[in-house]
Amino acid sequence: MDSKKNSGTADTGNNSNAPVLYGLPNCDSTQDAMKWFKKKGIEATLHNYKTAGITAGQLKKWAAVLSWEKLLNKRSTTWRGLSKEQQESVVNETTAIELMLENYSLIKRPVIESGKELLVGFDEKTLSNIFK
């Protein structure tokens, strides 16, 4: 995987080609991705972190493909609201995952799984290349 890209290929555990979007329903990027799939006639499922949660194991799988740095949303309001000590405590995958499990809003959205594809963030061009 190209380290500059927000996508990769791995055994995501989603054996279906139907996309699963992990995110928050009020998130603009998640909403944009859901609208994009609907417009293309592709049935996608939303996994809402707030109601369905996420496991450390799932975050570890994603981090192995994408890197924890790509999963941790340091541009979020939640990140900016953390103390300097909390922010500086994130030094590796383990500490990042612990913090993401405490604050789902720190996980970049959406994370999209479809078959062996794994993407983070909403990018029309990337989605168009994968879902033709």
Protein backbone atom coordinates (compact mmCIF):
# COMPACT_ATOMS: atom_id res chain seq x y z
CA MET A 1 0.00 0.00 0.00
CA ASP A 2 1.20 3.49 -0.82
CA SER A 3 1.82 5.28 2.48
CA LYS A 4 0.21 8.46 1.11
CA LYS A 5 -3.05 6.71 0.27
CA ASN A 6 -5.91 6.12 2.65
CA SER A 7 -6.71 2.69 1.28
CA GLY A 8 -5.40 -0.82 1.33
CA THR A 9 -6.18 -4.45 0.72
CA ALA A 10 -6.48 -7.00 3.48
CA ASP A 11 -8.64 -9.69 4.97
CA THR A 12 -11.10 -7.28 6.56
CA GLY A 13 -13.45 -9.97 7.80
CA ASN A 14 -16.16 -8.56 5.53
CA ASN A 15 -16.48 -11.43 3.05
CA SER A 16 -19.23 -9.63 1.21
CA ASN A 17 -18.56 -7.05 -1.47
CA ALA A 18 -21.35 -4.94 0.02
CA PRO A 19 -19.69 -1.93 1.65
CA VAL A 20 -19.88 -1.36 5.38
CA LEU A 21 -19.25 2.21 6.45
CA TYR A 22 -18.00 2.65 9.99
CA GLY A 23 -18.74 6.11 11.29
CA LEU A 24 -21.24 8.43 12.87
CA PRO A 25 -24.55 9.26 11.17
CA ASN A 26 -24.18 13.01 11.84
CA CYS A 27 -20.68 13.17 10.32
CA ASP A 28 -20.59 15.07 7.00
CA SER A 29 -18.04 12.70 5.43
CA THR A 30 -20.06 9.64 6.44
CA GLN A 31 -23.23 11.23 5.07
CA ASP A 32 -21.45 12.12 1.81
CA ALA A 33 -20.21 8.55 1.41
CA MET A 34 -23.67 7.08 2.10
CA LYS A 35 -25.20 9.48 -0.47
CA TRP A 36 -22.51 8.53 -3.00
CA PHE A 37 -23.27 4.81 -2.61
CA LYS A 38 -27.02 5.44 -2.84
CA LYS A 39 -26.56 7.54 -6.00
CA LYS A 40 -24.53 4.70 -7.57
CA GLY A 41 -27.19 2.15 -6.60
CA ILE A 42 -24.84 0.34 -4.23
CA GLU A 43 -26.39 -0.89 -1.01
CA ALA A 44 -24.12 0.10 1.87
CA THR A 45 -24.58 -0.49 5.59
CA LEU A 46 -23.72 2.05 8.26
CA HIS A 47 -22.04 0.76 11.43
CA ASN A 48 -22.65 3.54 13.96
CA TYR A 49 -19.79 3.69 16.48
CA LYS A 50 -21.97 5.39 19.08
CA THR A 51 -24.61 2.64 19.17
CA ALA A 52 -22.74 -0.46 17.95
CA GLY A 53 -19.27 0.36 19.28
CA ILE A 54 -15.99 -0.95 17.90
CA THR A 55 -13.45 -3.38 19.28
CA ALA A 56 -9.74 -3.00 19.88
CA GLY A 57 -9.28 -6.03 17.62
CA GLN A 58 -11.04 -4.28 14.74
CA LEU A 59 -8.97 -1.13 15.18
CA LYS A 60 -5.79 -3.24 15.27
CA LYS A 61 -6.78 -4.95 12.00
CA TRP A 62 -7.34 -1.60 10.34
CA ALA A 63 -4.12 -0.16 11.76
CA ALA A 64 -2.18 -3.11 10.33
CA VAL A 65 -3.38 -2.11 6.85
CA LEU A 66 -3.73 1.66 7.04
CA SER A 67 -1.58 2.63 10.07
CA TRP A 68 -2.90 4.03 13.32
CA GLU A 69 -1.81 7.50 12.22
CA LYS A 70 -4.33 7.43 9.35
CA LEU A 71 -7.11 6.20 11.66
CA LEU A 72 -6.58 8.80 14.39
CA ASN A 73 -8.34 12.03 13.47
CA LYS A 74 -6.10 14.76 14.84
CA ARG A 75 -8.11 17.40 12.95
CA SER A 76 -11.27 16.68 14.91
CA THR A 77 -12.88 18.94 17.48
CA THR A 78 -12.56 16.07 19.94
CA TRP A 79 -8.77 15.93 19.46
CA ARG A 80 -8.46 19.68 19.88
CA GLY A 81 -10.51 19.39 23.08
CA LEU A 82 -8.08 16.95 24.67
CA SER A 83 -5.48 18.20 27.11
CA LYS A 84 -1.93 18.58 25.87
CA GLU A 85 -0.97 15.65 28.12
CA GLN A 86 -3.61 13.40 26.53
CA GLN A 87 -2.47 14.35 23.04
CA GLU A 88 1.18 13.79 23.87
CA SER A 89 0.39 10.40 25.42
CA VAL A 90 -0.43 9.04 21.95
CA VAL A 91 2.94 7.69 20.89
CA ASN A 92 2.15 4.33 19.26
CA GLU A 93 -0.63 2.06 18.02
CA THR A 94 -1.53 0.84 21.52
CA THR A 95 -1.99 4.29 23.02
CA ALA A 96 -3.83 5.52 19.92
CA ILE A 97 -6.27 2.60 20.02
CA GLU A 98 -6.89 3.08 23.74
CA LEU A 99 -7.80 6.71 23.13
CA MET A 100 -9.96 5.90 20.08
CA LEU A 101 -11.90 3.36 22.17
CA GLU A 102 -12.54 6.05 24.79
CA ASN A 103 -13.58 8.62 22.15
CA TYR A 104 -15.09 7.16 18.96
CA SER A 105 -15.08 10.66 17.48
CA LEU A 106 -11.29 10.36 17.22
CA ILE A 107 -11.58 7.64 14.56
CA LYS A 108 -11.36 9.19 11.10
CA ARG A 109 -14.60 8.71 9.22
CA PRO A 110 -15.82 6.86 7.44
CA VAL A 111 -13.82 3.66 7.44
CA ILE A 112 -15.16 1.64 4.50
CA GLU A 113 -14.82 -2.14 4.25
CA SER A 114 -15.86 -4.02 1.15
CA GLY A 115 -14.51 -7.47 0.45
CA LYS A 116 -10.76 -7.07 0.68
CA GLU A 117 -10.83 -3.27 0.26
CA LEU A 118 -10.30 -0.96 3.21
CA LEU A 119 -10.57 2.81 2.88
CA VAL A 120 -10.60 5.71 5.31
CA GLY A 121 -12.23 9.04 4.56
CA PHE A 122 -14.54 10.00 1.71
CA ASP A 123 -12.89 10.46 -1.67
CA GLU A 124 -15.12 10.21 -4.75
CA LYS A 125 -12.25 9.41 -7.12
CA THR A 126 -11.00 6.51 -5.00
CA LEU A 127 -14.52 5.15 -4.57
CA SER A 128 -15.16 5.44 -8.32
CA ASN A 129 -12.02 3.43 -9.05
CA ILE A 130 -12.99 0.65 -6.65
CA PHE A 131 -16.77 0.51 -7.14
CA LYS A 132 -17.13 0.58 -10.93
